Amino acid sequence: MRGEHRQIGTLVLSSHDRQLELFADDEDIERASRSLKAMSHPLRLKILCTLGDAEVSVQDIVEHVGTSQSNISQHLAILRDKGILASRKDANRVYYRVGDSRTLKLIGMMREVFCYHER
């Protein structure tokens, strides 16, 4: 690295690499960690991929993912509580969608990195 250097945590960045400063403070790091941990469970990741950019009923999620409604509901609650999903009730049905389009971009990037058949 050339030029001015600055240490951030354990990562040393040159003035050229300042755009790599992804997190402003510990609170941002904690929030990102909690969200990524919530998404990292295989079933929750499958739920997120099932939703994509659509709004989907709990029953349709159950049918697509292939586990019990009570199990799906527990995982949906975790994702909703972390702010990853938004929900809406219509009569006796509950619909879920990904709350932020940037989350969909993140899932797409994970697919590019980890899904070998996509390469």
PDB file of N, CA and C in Angstrom:
ATOM      1  N   MET A   1       0.842  -1.182   0.000  1.00  0.00           N
ATOM      2  CA  MET A   1       0.000   0.000   0.000  1.00  0.00           C
ATOM      3  C   MET A   1       0.878   1.233   0.000  1.00  0.00           C
ATOM      4  N   ARG A   2       0.516   2.193  -0.818  1.00  0.00           N
ATOM      5  CA  ARG A   2       1.272   3.439  -0.886  1.00  0.00           C
ATOM      6  C   ARG A   2       0.475   4.559  -0.244  1.00  0.00           C
ATOM      7  N   GLY A   3       1.165   5.638   0.056  1.00  0.00           N
ATOM      8  CA  GLY A   3       0.491   6.834   0.556  1.00  0.00           C
ATOM      9  C   GLY A   3       0.153   6.733   2.028  1.00  0.00           C
ATOM     10  N   GLU A   4      -0.803   7.559   2.443  1.00  0.00           N
ATOM     11  CA  GLU A   4      -1.214   7.640   3.834  1.00  0.00           C
ATOM     12  C   GLU A   4      -1.905   6.345   4.253  1.00  0.00           C
ATOM     13  N   HIS A   5      -1.631   5.902   5.481  1.00  0.00           N
ATOM     14  CA  HIS A   5      -2.261   4.705   6.014  1.00  0.00           C
ATOM     15  C   HIS A   5      -2.996   5.053   7.292  1.00  0.00           C
ATOM     16  N   ARG A   6      -4.065   4.369   7.528  1.00  0.00           N
ATOM     17  CA  ARG A   6      -4.858   4.584   8.730  1.00  0.00           C
ATOM     18  C   ARG A   6      -5.344   3.233   9.228  1.00  0.00           C
ATOM     19  N   GLN A   7      -5.275   3.009  10.550  1.00  0.00           N
ATOM     20  CA  GLN A   7      -5.719   1.731  11.094  1.00  0.00           C
ATOM     21  C   GLN A   7      -7.153   1.856  11.568  1.00  0.00           C
ATOM     22  N   ILE A   8      -7.975   0.877  11.159  1.00  0.00           N
ATOM     23  CA  ILE A   8      -9.360   0.794  11.602  1.00  0.00           C
ATOM     24  C   ILE A   8      -9.532  -0.591  12.195  1.00  0.00           C
ATOM     25  N   GLY A   9      -9.736  -0.678  13.496  1.00  0.00           N
ATOM     26  CA  GLY A   9      -9.792  -1.988  14.131  1.00  0.00           C
ATOM     27  C   GLY A   9      -8.486  -2.696  13.867  1.00  0.00           C
ATOM     28  N   THR A  10      -8.545  -3.840  13.224  1.00  0.00           N
ATOM     29  CA  THR A  10      -7.336  -4.570  12.872  1.00  0.00           C
ATOM     30  C   THR A  10      -7.019  -4.456  11.388  1.00  0.00           C
ATOM     31  N   LEU A  11      -7.807  -3.686  10.652  1.00  0.00           N
ATOM     32  CA  LEU A  11      -7.620  -3.536   9.214  1.00  0.00           C
ATOM     33  C   LEU A  11      -6.925  -2.213   8.926  1.00  0.00           C
ATOM     34  N   VAL A  12      -5.839  -2.246   8.182  1.00  0.00           N
ATOM     35  CA  VAL A  12      -5.125  -1.031   7.814  1.00  0.00           C
ATOM     36  C   VAL A  12      -5.507  -0.676   6.387  1.00  0.00           C
ATOM     37  N   LEU A  13      -5.972   0.551   6.209  1.00  0.00           N
ATOM     38  CA  LEU A  13      -6.403   1.010   4.893  1.00  0.00           C
ATOM     39  C   LEU A  13      -5.517   2.145   4.416  1.00  0.00           C
ATOM     40  N   SER A  14      -5.204   2.148   3.155  1.00  0.00           N
ATOM     41  CA  SER A  14      -4.503   3.293   2.581  1.00  0.00           C
ATOM     42  C   SER A  14      -5.543   4.343   2.221  1.00  0.00           C
ATOM     43  N   SER A  15      -5.098   5.563   1.952  1.00  0.00           N
ATOM     44  CA  SER A  15      -6.033   6.621   1.576  1.00  0.00           C
ATOM     45  C   SER A  15      -6.794   6.241   0.313  1.00  0.00           C
ATOM     46  N   HIS A  16      -6.178   5.412  -0.530  1.00  0.00           N
ATOM     47  CA  HIS A  16      -6.821   4.961  -1.763  1.00  0.00           C
ATOM     48  C   HIS A  16      -7.970   4.001  -1.475  1.00  0.00           C
ATOM     49  N   ASP A  17      -7.900   3.296  -0.347  1.00  0.00           N
ATOM     50  CA  ASP A  17      -8.888   2.265  -0.037  1.00  0.00           C
ATOM     51  C   ASP A  17      -9.932   2.719   0.980  1.00  0.00           C
ATOM     52  N   ARG A  18     -10.105   3.992   1.172  1.00  0.00           N
ATOM     53  CA  ARG A  18     -11.057   4.479   2.180  1.00  0.00           C
ATOM     54  C   ARG A  18     -12.480   4.020   1.895  1.00  0.00           C
ATOM     55  N   GLN A  19     -12.809   3.768   0.632  1.00  0.00           N
ATOM     56  CA  GLN A  19     -14.154   3.308   0.324  1.00  0.00           C
ATOM     57  C   GLN A  19     -14.442   1.946   0.951  1.00  0.00           C
ATOM     58  N   LEU A  20     -13.412   1.257   1.440  1.00  0.00           N
ATOM     59  CA  LEU A  20     -13.605  -0.026   2.096  1.00  0.00           C
ATOM     60  C   LEU A  20     -14.093   0.113   3.533  1.00  0.00           C
ATOM     61  N   GLU A  21     -14.164   1.324   4.044  1.00  0.00           N
ATOM     62  CA  GLU A  21     -14.664   1.548   5.397  1.00  0.00           C
ATOM     63  C   GLU A  21     -16.172   1.313   5.384  1.00  0.00           C
ATOM     64  N   LEU A  22     -16.577   0.068   5.560  1.00  0.00           N
ATOM     65  CA  LEU A  22     -17.969  -0.312   5.396  1.00  0.00           C
ATOM     66  C   LEU A  22     -18.834   0.016   6.600  1.00  0.00           C
ATOM     67  N   PHE A  23     -18.256  -0.016   7.774  1.00  0.00           N
ATOM     68  CA  PHE A  23     -19.036   0.170   8.984  1.00  0.00           C
ATOM     69  C   PHE A  23     -18.497   1.357   9.766  1.00  0.00           C
ATOM     70  N   ALA A  24     -19.396   2.258  10.129  1.00  0.00           N
ATOM     71  CA  ALA A  24     -18.986   3.482  10.799  1.00  0.00           C
ATOM     72  C   ALA A  24     -18.625   3.246  12.263  1.00  0.00           C
ATOM     73  N   ASP A  25     -19.313   2.343  12.913  1.00  0.00           N
ATOM     74  CA  ASP A  25     -19.048   2.142  14.338  1.00  0.00           C
ATOM     75  C   ASP A  25     -19.474   0.745  14.772  1.00  0.00           C
ATOM     76  N   ASP A  26     -19.251   0.459  16.041  1.00  0.00           N
ATOM     77  CA  ASP A  26     -19.564  -0.866  16.582  1.00  0.00           C
ATOM     78  C   ASP A  26     -21.051  -1.194  16.490  1.00  0.00           C
ATOM     79  N   GLU A  27     -21.903  -0.189  16.614  1.00  0.00           N
ATOM     80  CA  GLU A  27     -23.344  -0.427  16.516  1.00  0.00           C
ATOM     81  C   GLU A  27     -23.714  -0.956  15.127  1.00  0.00           C
ATOM     82  N   ASP A  28     -23.107  -0.386  14.085  1.00  0.00           N
ATOM     83  CA  ASP A  28     -23.341  -0.878  12.725  1.00  0.00           C
ATOM     84  C   ASP A  28     -22.855  -2.312  12.569  1.00  0.00           C
ATOM     85  N   ILE A  29     -21.707  -2.604  13.140  1.00  0.00           N
ATOM     86  CA  ILE A  29     -21.151  -3.955  13.054  1.00  0.00           C
ATOM     87  C   ILE A  29     -22.065  -4.947  13.769  1.00  0.00           C
ATOM     88  N   GLU A  30     -22.558  -4.584  14.945  1.00  0.00           N
ATOM     89  CA  GLU A  30     -23.464  -5.465  15.690  1.00  0.00           C
ATOM     90  C   GLU A  30     -24.754  -5.708  14.912  1.00  0.00           C
ATOM     91  N   ARG A  31     -25.319  -4.655  14.324  1.00  0.00           N
ATOM     92  CA  ARG A  31     -26.559  -4.789  13.553  1.00  0.00           C
ATOM     93  C   ARG A  31     -26.345  -5.703  12.349  1.00  0.00           C
ATOM     94  N   ALA A  32     -25.242  -5.507  11.641  1.00  0.00           N
ATOM     95  CA  ALA A  32     -24.929  -6.355  10.484  1.00  0.00           C
ATOM     96  C   ALA A  32     -24.729  -7.799  10.922  1.00  0.00           C
ATOM     97  N   SER A  33     -24.033  -7.995  12.026  1.00  0.00           N
ATOM     98  CA  SER A  33     -23.781  -9.343  12.527  1.00  0.00           C
ATOM     99  C   SER A  33     -25.082 -10.055  12.882  1.00  0.00           C
ATOM    100  N   ARG A  34     -25.982  -9.364  13.573  1.00  0.00           N
ATOM    101  CA  ARG A  34     -27.270  -9.968  13.944  1.00  0.00           C
ATOM    102  C   ARG A  34     -28.087 -10.332  12.705  1.00  0.00           C
ATOM    103  N   SER A  35     -28.107  -9.450  11.726  1.00  0.00           N
ATOM    104  CA  SER A  35     -28.876  -9.716  10.504  1.00  0.00           C
ATOM    105  C   SER A  35     -28.291 -10.876   9.716  1.00  0.00           C
ATOM    106  N   LEU A  36     -26.973 -10.885   9.559  1.00  0.00           N
ATOM    107  CA  LEU A  36     -26.331 -11.977   8.818  1.00  0.00           C
ATOM    108  C   LEU A  36     -26.501 -13.311   9.542  1.00  0.00           C
ATOM    109  N   LYS A  37     -26.454 -13.276  10.864  1.00  0.00           N
ATOM    110  CA  LYS A  37     -26.661 -14.501  11.641  1.00  0.00           C
ATOM    111  C   LYS A  37     -28.081 -15.023  11.424  1.00  0.00           C
ATOM    112  N   ALA A  38     -29.054 -14.121  11.405  1.00  0.00           N
ATOM    113  CA  ALA A  38     -30.442 -14.534  11.173  1.00  0.00           C
ATOM    114  C   ALA A  38     -30.610 -15.136   9.785  1.00  0.00           C
ATOM    115  N   MET A  39     -29.948 -14.568   8.794  1.00  0.00           N
ATOM    116  CA  MET A  39     -30.072 -15.070   7.423  1.00  0.00           C
ATOM    117  C   MET A  39     -29.254 -16.329   7.183  1.00  0.00           C
ATOM    118  N   SER A  40     -28.310 -16.633   8.054  1.00  0.00           N
ATOM    119  CA  SER A  40     -27.371 -17.720   7.778  1.00  0.00           C
ATOM    120  C   SER A  40     -27.954 -19.115   7.983  1.00  0.00           C
ATOM    121  N   HIS A  41     -29.060 -19.240   8.656  1.00  0.00           N
ATOM    122  CA  HIS A  41     -29.676 -20.555   8.839  1.00  0.00           C
ATOM    123  C   HIS A  41     -30.180 -21.053   7.481  1.00  0.00           C
ATOM    124  N   PRO A  42     -29.894 -22.297   7.125  1.00  0.00           N
ATOM    125  CA  PRO A  42     -30.279 -22.794   5.793  1.00  0.00           C
ATOM    126  C   PRO A  42     -31.767 -22.645   5.475  1.00  0.00           C
ATOM    127  N   LEU A  43     -32.633 -22.905   6.439  1.00  0.00           N
ATOM    128  CA  LEU A  43     -34.064 -22.788   6.184  1.00  0.00           C
ATOM    129  C   LEU A  43     -34.468 -21.327   5.978  1.00  0.00           C
ATOM    130  N   ARG A  44     -33.877 -20.421   6.754  1.00  0.00           N
ATOM    131  CA  ARG A  44     -34.203 -19.001   6.593  1.00  0.00           C
ATOM    132  C   ARG A  44     -33.696 -18.477   5.258  1.00  0.00           C
ATOM    133  N   LEU A  45     -32.539 -18.936   4.848  1.00  0.00           N
ATOM    134  CA  LEU A  45     -32.022 -18.530   3.542  1.00  0.00           C
ATOM    135  C   LEU A  45     -32.925 -19.055   2.430  1.00  0.00           C
ATOM    136  N   LYS A  46     -33.431 -20.266   2.596  1.00  0.00           N
ATOM    137  CA  LYS A  46     -34.364 -20.823   1.611  1.00  0.00           C
ATOM    138  C   LYS A  46     -35.658 -20.011   1.579  1.00  0.00           C
ATOM    139  N   ILE A  47     -36.126 -19.571   2.739  1.00  0.00           N
ATOM    140  CA  ILE A  47     -37.317 -18.717   2.797  1.00  0.00           C
ATOM    141  C   ILE A  47     -37.059 -17.423   2.033  1.00  0.00           C
ATOM    142  N   LEU A  48     -35.913 -16.800   2.270  1.00  0.00           N
ATOM    143  CA  LEU A  48     -35.584 -15.547   1.581  1.00  0.00           C
ATOM    144  C   LEU A  48     -35.521 -15.752   0.074  1.00  0.00           C
ATOM    145  N   CYS A  49     -34.939 -16.856  -0.351  1.00  0.00           N
ATOM    146  CA  CYS A  49     -34.869 -17.143  -1.790  1.00  0.00           C
ATOM    147  C   CYS A  49     -36.254 -17.423  -2.357  1.00  0.00           C
ATOM    148  N   THR A  50     -37.124 -18.039  -1.568  1.00  0.00           N
ATOM    149  CA  THR A  50     -38.500 -18.293  -1.993  1.00  0.00           C
ATOM    150  C   THR A  50     -39.251 -16.981  -2.185  1.00  0.00           C
ATOM    151  N   LEU A  51     -39.042 -16.051  -1.283  1.00  0.00           N
ATOM    152  CA  LEU A  51     -39.732 -14.764  -1.377  1.00  0.00           C
ATOM    153  C   LEU A  51     -39.238 -13.947  -2.558  1.00  0.00           C
ATOM    154  N   GLY A  52     -37.929 -13.897  -2.740  1.00  0.00           N
ATOM    155  CA  GLY A  52     -37.393 -13.042  -3.798  1.00  0.00           C
ATOM    156  C   GLY A  52     -37.954 -11.644  -3.653  1.00  0.00           C
ATOM    157  N   ASP A  53     -38.412 -11.065  -4.749  1.00  0.00           N
ATOM    158  CA  ASP A  53     -38.972  -9.710  -4.678  1.00  0.00           C
ATOM    159  C   ASP A  53     -40.499  -9.727  -4.628  1.00  0.00           C
ATOM    160  N   ALA A  54     -41.085 -10.881  -4.289  1.00  0.00           N
ATOM    161  CA  ALA A  54     -42.543 -11.016  -4.244  1.00  0.00           C
ATOM    162  C   ALA A  54     -43.051 -11.016  -2.806  1.00  0.00           C
ATOM    163  N   GLU A  55     -44.343 -10.818  -2.696  1.00  0.00           N
ATOM    164  CA  GLU A  55     -45.027 -10.964  -1.417  1.00  0.00           C
ATOM    165  C   GLU A  55     -45.712 -12.330  -1.456  1.00  0.00           C
ATOM    166  N   VAL A  56     -45.439 -13.177  -0.464  1.00  0.00           N
ATOM    167  CA  VAL A  56     -45.885 -14.570  -0.497  1.00  0.00           C
ATOM    168  C   VAL A  56     -46.583 -14.911   0.818  1.00  0.00           C
ATOM    169  N   SER A  57     -47.672 -15.672   0.726  1.00  0.00           N
ATOM    170  CA  SER A  57     -48.394 -16.081   1.935  1.00  0.00           C
ATOM    171  C   SER A  57     -47.606 -17.146   2.686  1.00  0.00           C
ATOM    172  N   VAL A  58     -47.876 -17.240   3.975  1.00  0.00           N
ATOM    173  CA  VAL A  58     -47.206 -18.243   4.798  1.00  0.00           C
ATOM    174  C   VAL A  58     -47.464 -19.636   4.229  1.00  0.00           C
ATOM    175  N   GLN A  59     -48.710 -19.912   3.831  1.00  0.00           N
ATOM    176  CA  GLN A  59     -49.039 -21.236   3.297  1.00  0.00           C
ATOM    177  C   GLN A  59     -48.228 -21.549   2.044  1.00  0.00           C
ATOM    178  N   ASP A  60     -48.054 -20.577   1.161  1.00  0.00           N
ATOM    179  CA  ASP A  60     -47.257 -20.804  -0.049  1.00  0.00           C
ATOM    180  C   ASP A  60     -45.782 -21.027   0.294  1.00  0.00           C
ATOM    181  N   ILE A  61     -45.299 -20.331   1.310  1.00  0.00           N
ATOM    182  CA  ILE A  61     -43.913 -20.542   1.758  1.00  0.00           C
ATOM    183  C   ILE A  61     -43.764 -21.965   2.287  1.00  0.00           C
ATOM    184  N   VAL A  62     -44.729 -22.411   3.095  1.00  0.00           N
ATOM    185  CA  VAL A  62     -44.703 -23.771   3.652  1.00  0.00           C
ATOM    186  C   VAL A  62     -44.646 -24.793   2.525  1.00  0.00           C
ATOM    187  N   GLU A  63     -45.497 -24.627   1.516  1.00  0.00           N
ATOM    188  CA  GLU A  63     -45.542 -25.579   0.402  1.00  0.00           C
ATOM    189  C   GLU A  63     -44.232 -25.592  -0.379  1.00  0.00           C
ATOM    190  N   HIS A  64     -43.632 -24.434  -0.568  1.00  0.00           N
ATOM    191  CA  HIS A  64     -42.404 -24.364  -1.362  1.00  0.00           C
ATOM    192  C   HIS A  64     -41.191 -24.877  -0.587  1.00  0.00           C
ATOM    193  N   VAL A  65     -41.108 -24.522   0.692  1.00  0.00           N
ATOM    194  CA  VAL A  65     -39.936 -24.876   1.493  1.00  0.00           C
ATOM    195  C   VAL A  65     -40.008 -26.333   1.957  1.00  0.00           C
ATOM    196  N   GLY A  66     -41.221 -26.820   2.247  1.00  0.00           N
ATOM    197  CA  GLY A  66     -41.376 -28.226   2.576  1.00  0.00           C
ATOM    198  C   GLY A  66     -41.132 -28.591   4.023  1.00  0.00           C
ATOM    199  N   THR A  67     -41.634 -27.801   4.932  1.00  0.00           N
ATOM    200  CA  THR A  67     -41.589 -28.145   6.354  1.00  0.00           C
ATOM    201  C   THR A  67     -42.896 -27.674   6.981  1.00  0.00           C
ATOM    202  N   SER A  68     -43.068 -27.888   8.272  1.00  0.00           N
ATOM    203  CA  SER A  68     -44.347 -27.580   8.918  1.00  0.00           C
ATOM    204  C   SER A  68     -44.579 -26.073   9.027  1.00  0.00           C
ATOM    205  N   GLN A  69     -45.856 -25.724   9.127  1.00  0.00           N
ATOM    206  CA  GLN A  69     -46.204 -24.309   9.258  1.00  0.00           C
ATOM    207  C   GLN A  69     -45.656 -23.728  10.556  1.00  0.00           C
ATOM    208  N   SER A  70     -45.678 -24.498  11.639  1.00  0.00           N
ATOM    209  CA  SER A  70     -45.155 -23.965  12.906  1.00  0.00           C
ATOM    210  C   SER A  70     -43.654 -23.699  12.807  1.00  0.00           C
ATOM    211  N   ASN A  71     -42.928 -24.565  12.120  1.00  0.00           N
ATOM    212  CA  ASN A  71     -41.490 -24.360  11.936  1.00  0.00           C
ATOM    213  C   ASN A  71     -41.234 -23.115  11.083  1.00  0.00           C
ATOM    214  N   ILE A  72     -41.961 -22.993   9.985  1.00  0.00           N
ATOM    215  CA  ILE A  72     -41.821 -21.816   9.115  1.00  0.00           C
ATOM    216  C   ILE A  72     -42.155 -20.548   9.895  1.00  0.00           C
ATOM    217  N   SER A  73     -43.228 -20.583  10.667  1.00  0.00           N
ATOM    218  CA  SER A  73     -43.641 -19.393  11.423  1.00  0.00           C
ATOM    219  C   SER A  73     -42.567 -18.944  12.402  1.00  0.00           C
ATOM    220  N   GLN A  74     -41.894 -19.891  13.044  1.00  0.00           N
ATOM    221  CA  GLN A  74     -40.807 -19.537  13.965  1.00  0.00           C
ATOM    222  C   GLN A  74     -39.673 -18.835  13.223  1.00  0.00           C
ATOM    223  N   HIS A  75     -39.313 -19.357  12.064  1.00  0.00           N
ATOM    224  CA  HIS A  75     -38.222 -18.759  11.295  1.00  0.00           C
ATOM    225  C   HIS A  75     -38.630 -17.407  10.702  1.00  0.00           C
ATOM    226  N   LEU A  76     -39.879 -17.292  10.266  1.00  0.00           N
ATOM    227  CA  LEU A  76     -40.367 -16.000   9.763  1.00  0.00           C
ATOM    228  C   LEU A  76     -40.324 -14.946  10.867  1.00  0.00           C
ATOM    229  N   ALA A  77     -40.686 -15.332  12.079  1.00  0.00           N
ATOM    230  CA  ALA A  77     -40.669 -14.388  13.206  1.00  0.00           C
ATOM    231  C   ALA A  77     -39.256 -13.884  13.476  1.00  0.00           C
ATOM    232  N   ILE A  78     -38.275 -14.761  13.389  1.00  0.00           N
ATOM    233  CA  ILE A  78     -36.882 -14.345  13.606  1.00  0.00           C
ATOM    234  C   ILE A  78     -36.468 -13.334  12.545  1.00  0.00           C
ATOM    235  N   LEU A  79     -36.774 -13.625  11.286  1.00  0.00           N
ATOM    236  CA  LEU A  79     -36.410 -12.711  10.197  1.00  0.00           C
ATOM    237  C   LEU A  79     -37.158 -11.384  10.312  1.00  0.00           C
ATOM    238  N   ARG A  80     -38.422 -11.440  10.724  1.00  0.00           N
ATOM    239  CA  ARG A  80     -39.202 -10.208  10.897  1.00  0.00           C
ATOM    240  C   ARG A  80     -38.657  -9.387  12.063  1.00  0.00           C
ATOM    241  N   ASP A  81     -38.339 -10.050  13.178  1.00  0.00           N
ATOM    242  CA  ASP A  81     -37.832  -9.342  14.357  1.00  0.00           C
ATOM    243  C   ASP A  81     -36.491  -8.664  14.095  1.00  0.00           C
ATOM    244  N   LYS A  82     -35.708  -9.197  13.182  1.00  0.00           N
ATOM    245  CA  LYS A  82     -34.419  -8.588  12.820  1.00  0.00           C
ATOM    246  C   LYS A  82     -34.583  -7.512  11.754  1.00  0.00           C
ATOM    247  N   GLY A  83     -35.817  -7.274  11.308  1.00  0.00           N
ATOM    248  CA  GLY A  83     -36.063  -6.229  10.321  1.00  0.00           C
ATOM    249  C   GLY A  83     -35.775  -6.649   8.890  1.00  0.00           C
ATOM    250  N   ILE A  84     -35.586  -7.940   8.672  1.00  0.00           N
ATOM    251  CA  ILE A  84     -35.266  -8.427   7.331  1.00  0.00           C
ATOM    252  C   ILE A  84     -36.536  -8.603   6.508  1.00  0.00           C
ATOM    253  N   LEU A  85     -37.621  -9.023   7.170  1.00  0.00           N
ATOM    254  CA  LEU A  85     -38.895  -9.219   6.493  1.00  0.00           C
ATOM    255  C   LEU A  85     -39.932  -8.232   7.000  1.00  0.00           C
ATOM    256  N   ALA A  86     -40.874  -7.927   6.129  1.00  0.00           N
ATOM    257  CA  ALA A  86     -42.053  -7.152   6.491  1.00  0.00           C
ATOM    258  C   ALA A  86     -43.255  -8.062   6.266  1.00  0.00           C
ATOM    259  N   SER A  87     -44.316  -7.846   7.035  1.00  0.00           N
ATOM    260  CA  SER A  87     -45.501  -8.691   6.886  1.00  0.00           C
ATOM    261  C   SER A  87     -46.749  -7.829   6.809  1.00  0.00           C
ATOM    262  N   ARG A  88     -47.782  -8.466   6.269  1.00  0.00           N
ATOM    263  CA  ARG A  88     -49.079  -7.805   6.170  1.00  0.00           C
ATOM    264  C   ARG A  88     -50.140  -8.876   6.321  1.00  0.00           C
ATOM    265  N   LYS A  89     -51.197  -8.549   7.050  1.00  0.00           N
ATOM    266  CA  LYS A  89     -52.289  -9.495   7.253  1.00  0.00           C
ATOM    267  C   LYS A  89     -53.464  -9.077   6.388  1.00  0.00           C
ATOM    268  N   ASP A  90     -54.066 -10.064   5.732  1.00  0.00           N
ATOM    269  CA  ASP A  90     -55.254  -9.834   4.912  1.00  0.00           C
ATOM    270  C   ASP A  90     -56.253 -10.922   5.272  1.00  0.00           C
ATOM    271  N   ALA A  91     -57.280 -10.544   6.013  1.00  0.00           N
ATOM    272  CA  ALA A  91     -58.259 -11.489   6.549  1.00  0.00           C
ATOM    273  C   ALA A  91     -57.516 -12.519   7.406  1.00  0.00           C
ATOM    274  N   ASN A  92     -57.564 -13.793   7.027  1.00  0.00           N
ATOM    275  CA  ASN A  92     -56.900 -14.815   7.847  1.00  0.00           C
ATOM    276  C   ASN A  92     -55.574 -15.275   7.251  1.00  0.00           C
ATOM    277  N   ARG A  93     -55.042 -14.541   6.297  1.00  0.00           N
ATOM    278  CA  ARG A  93     -53.752 -14.896   5.688  1.00  0.00           C
ATOM    279  C   ARG A  93     -52.714 -13.833   6.032  1.00  0.00           C
ATOM    280  N   VAL A  94     -51.477 -14.296   6.224  1.00  0.00           N
ATOM    281  CA  VAL A  94     -50.360 -13.385   6.473  1.00  0.00           C
ATOM    282  C   VAL A  94     -49.405 -13.504   5.302  1.00  0.00           C
ATOM    283  N   TYR A  95     -48.986 -12.358   4.791  1.00  0.00           N
ATOM    284  CA  TYR A  95     -48.073 -12.300   3.656  1.00  0.00           C
ATOM    285  C   TYR A  95     -46.752 -11.699   4.111  1.00  0.00           C
ATOM    286  N   TYR A  96     -45.673 -12.227   3.573  1.00  0.00           N
ATOM    287  CA  TYR A  96     -44.335 -11.730   3.896  1.00  0.00           C
ATOM    288  C   TYR A  96     -43.627 -11.289   2.629  1.00  0.00           C
ATOM    289  N   ARG A  97     -42.750 -10.315   2.804  1.00  0.00           N
ATOM    290  CA  ARG A  97     -41.879  -9.862   1.719  1.00  0.00           C
ATOM    291  C   ARG A  97     -40.562  -9.418   2.339  1.00  0.00           C
ATOM    292  N   VAL A  98     -39.519  -9.404   1.518  1.00  0.00           N
ATOM    293  CA  VAL A  98     -38.228  -8.890   1.974  1.00  0.00           C
ATOM    294  C   VAL A  98     -38.399  -7.388   2.152  1.00  0.00           C
ATOM    295  N   GLY A  99     -37.998  -6.877   3.304  1.00  0.00           N
ATOM    296  CA  GLY A  99     -38.260  -5.491   3.655  1.00  0.00           C
ATOM    297  C   GLY A  99     -37.409  -4.460   2.937  1.00  0.00           C
ATOM    298  N   ASP A 100     -36.270  -4.851   2.419  1.00  0.00           N
ATOM    299  CA  ASP A 100     -35.344  -3.898   1.807  1.00  0.00           C
ATOM    300  C   ASP A 100     -34.748  -4.526   0.546  1.00  0.00           C
ATOM    301  N   SER A 101     -34.835  -3.824  -0.557  1.00  0.00           N
ATOM    302  CA  SER A 101     -34.330  -4.365  -1.831  1.00  0.00           C
ATOM    303  C   SER A 101     -32.829  -4.641  -1.778  1.00  0.00           C
ATOM    304  N   ARG A 102     -32.112  -3.961  -0.898  1.00  0.00           N
ATOM    305  CA  ARG A 102     -30.670  -4.222  -0.775  1.00  0.00           C
ATOM    306  C   ARG A 102     -30.399  -5.624  -0.242  1.00  0.00           C
ATOM    307  N   THR A 103     -31.333  -6.149   0.551  1.00  0.00           N
ATOM    308  CA  THR A 103     -31.194  -7.527   1.027  1.00  0.00           C
ATOM    309  C   THR A 103     -31.244  -8.495  -0.147  1.00  0.00           C
ATOM    310  N   LEU A 104     -32.104  -8.210  -1.123  1.00  0.00           N
ATOM    311  CA  LEU A 104     -32.171  -9.055  -2.323  1.00  0.00           C
ATOM    312  C   LEU A 104     -30.861  -9.002  -3.098  1.00  0.00           C
ATOM    313  N   LYS A 105     -30.249  -7.836  -3.145  1.00  0.00           N
ATOM    314  CA  LYS A 105     -28.947  -7.722  -3.813  1.00  0.00           C
ATOM    315  C   LYS A 105     -27.901  -8.553  -3.083  1.00  0.00           C
ATOM    316  N   LEU A 106     -27.947  -8.528  -1.757  1.00  0.00           N
ATOM    317  CA  LEU A 106     -27.016  -9.323  -0.955  1.00  0.00           C
ATOM    318  C   LEU A 106     -27.198 -10.814  -1.231  1.00  0.00           C
ATOM    319  N   ILE A 107     -28.441 -11.267  -1.292  1.00  0.00           N
ATOM    320  CA  ILE A 107     -28.716 -12.675  -1.589  1.00  0.00           C
ATOM    321  C   ILE A 107     -28.207 -13.022  -2.983  1.00  0.00           C
ATOM    322  N   GLY A 108     -28.402 -12.123  -3.936  1.00  0.00           N
ATOM    323  CA  GLY A 108     -27.892 -12.348  -5.287  1.00  0.00           C
ATOM    324  C   GLY A 108     -26.378 -12.467  -5.314  1.00  0.00           C
ATOM    325  N   MET A 109     -25.706 -11.638  -4.539  1.00  0.00           N
ATOM    326  CA  MET A 109     -24.243 -11.715  -4.477  1.00  0.00           C
ATOM    327  C   MET A 109     -23.795 -13.018  -3.817  1.00  0.00           C
ATOM    328  N   MET A 110     -24.524 -13.460  -2.791  1.00  0.00           N
ATOM    329  CA  MET A 110     -24.179 -14.738  -2.159  1.00  0.00           C
ATOM    330  C   MET A 110     -24.351 -15.880  -3.155  1.00  0.00           C
ATOM    331  N   ARG A 111     -25.390 -15.800  -3.974  1.00  0.00           N
ATOM    332  CA  ARG A 111     -25.605 -16.828  -4.993  1.00  0.00           C
ATOM    333  C   ARG A 111     -24.429 -16.865  -5.964  1.00  0.00           C
ATOM    334  N   GLU A 112     -23.965 -15.697  -6.390  1.00  0.00           N
ATOM    335  CA  GLU A 112     -22.825 -15.628  -7.310  1.00  0.00           C
ATOM    336  C   GLU A 112     -21.564 -16.230  -6.690  1.00  0.00           C
ATOM    337  N   VAL A 113     -21.372 -16.002  -5.406  1.00  0.00           N
ATOM    338  CA  VAL A 113     -20.160 -16.474  -4.739  1.00  0.00           C
ATOM    339  C   VAL A 113     -20.239 -17.965  -4.402  1.00  0.00           C
ATOM    340  N   PHE A 114     -21.395 -18.436  -3.921  1.00  0.00           N
ATOM    341  CA  PHE A 114     -21.470 -19.777  -3.343  1.00  0.00           C
ATOM    342  C   PHE A 114     -22.151 -20.833  -4.201  1.00  0.00           C
ATOM    343  N   CYS A 115     -22.909 -20.447  -5.196  1.00  0.00           N
ATOM    344  CA  CYS A 115     -23.633 -21.436  -6.008  1.00  0.00           C
ATOM    345  C   CYS A 115     -22.811 -21.762  -7.237  1.00  0.00           C
ATOM    346  N   TYR A 116     -22.101 -22.846  -7.176  1.00  0.00           N
ATOM    347  CA  TYR A 116     -21.140 -23.206  -8.217  1.00  0.00           C
ATOM    348  C   TYR A 116     -21.802 -23.467  -9.558  1.00  0.00           C
ATOM    349  N   HIS A 117     -23.028 -23.970  -9.561  1.00  0.00           N
ATOM    350  CA  HIS A 117     -23.688 -24.239 -10.835  1.00  0.00           C
ATOM    351  C   HIS A 117     -24.087 -22.957 -11.564  1.00  0.00           C
ATOM    352  N   GLU A 118     -24.032 -21.817 -10.890  1.00  0.00           N
ATOM    353  CA  GLU A 118     -24.358 -20.525 -11.500  1.00  0.00           C
ATOM    354  C   GLU A 118     -23.171 -19.935 -12.239  1.00  0.00           C
ATOM    355  N   ARG A 119     -21.962 -20.437 -11.994  1.00  0.00           N
ATOM    356  CA  ARG A 119     -20.750 -19.828 -12.551  1.00  0.00           C
ATOM    357  C   ARG A 119     -20.550 -20.203 -13.986  1.00  0.00           C
TER     358      ARG A 119
END
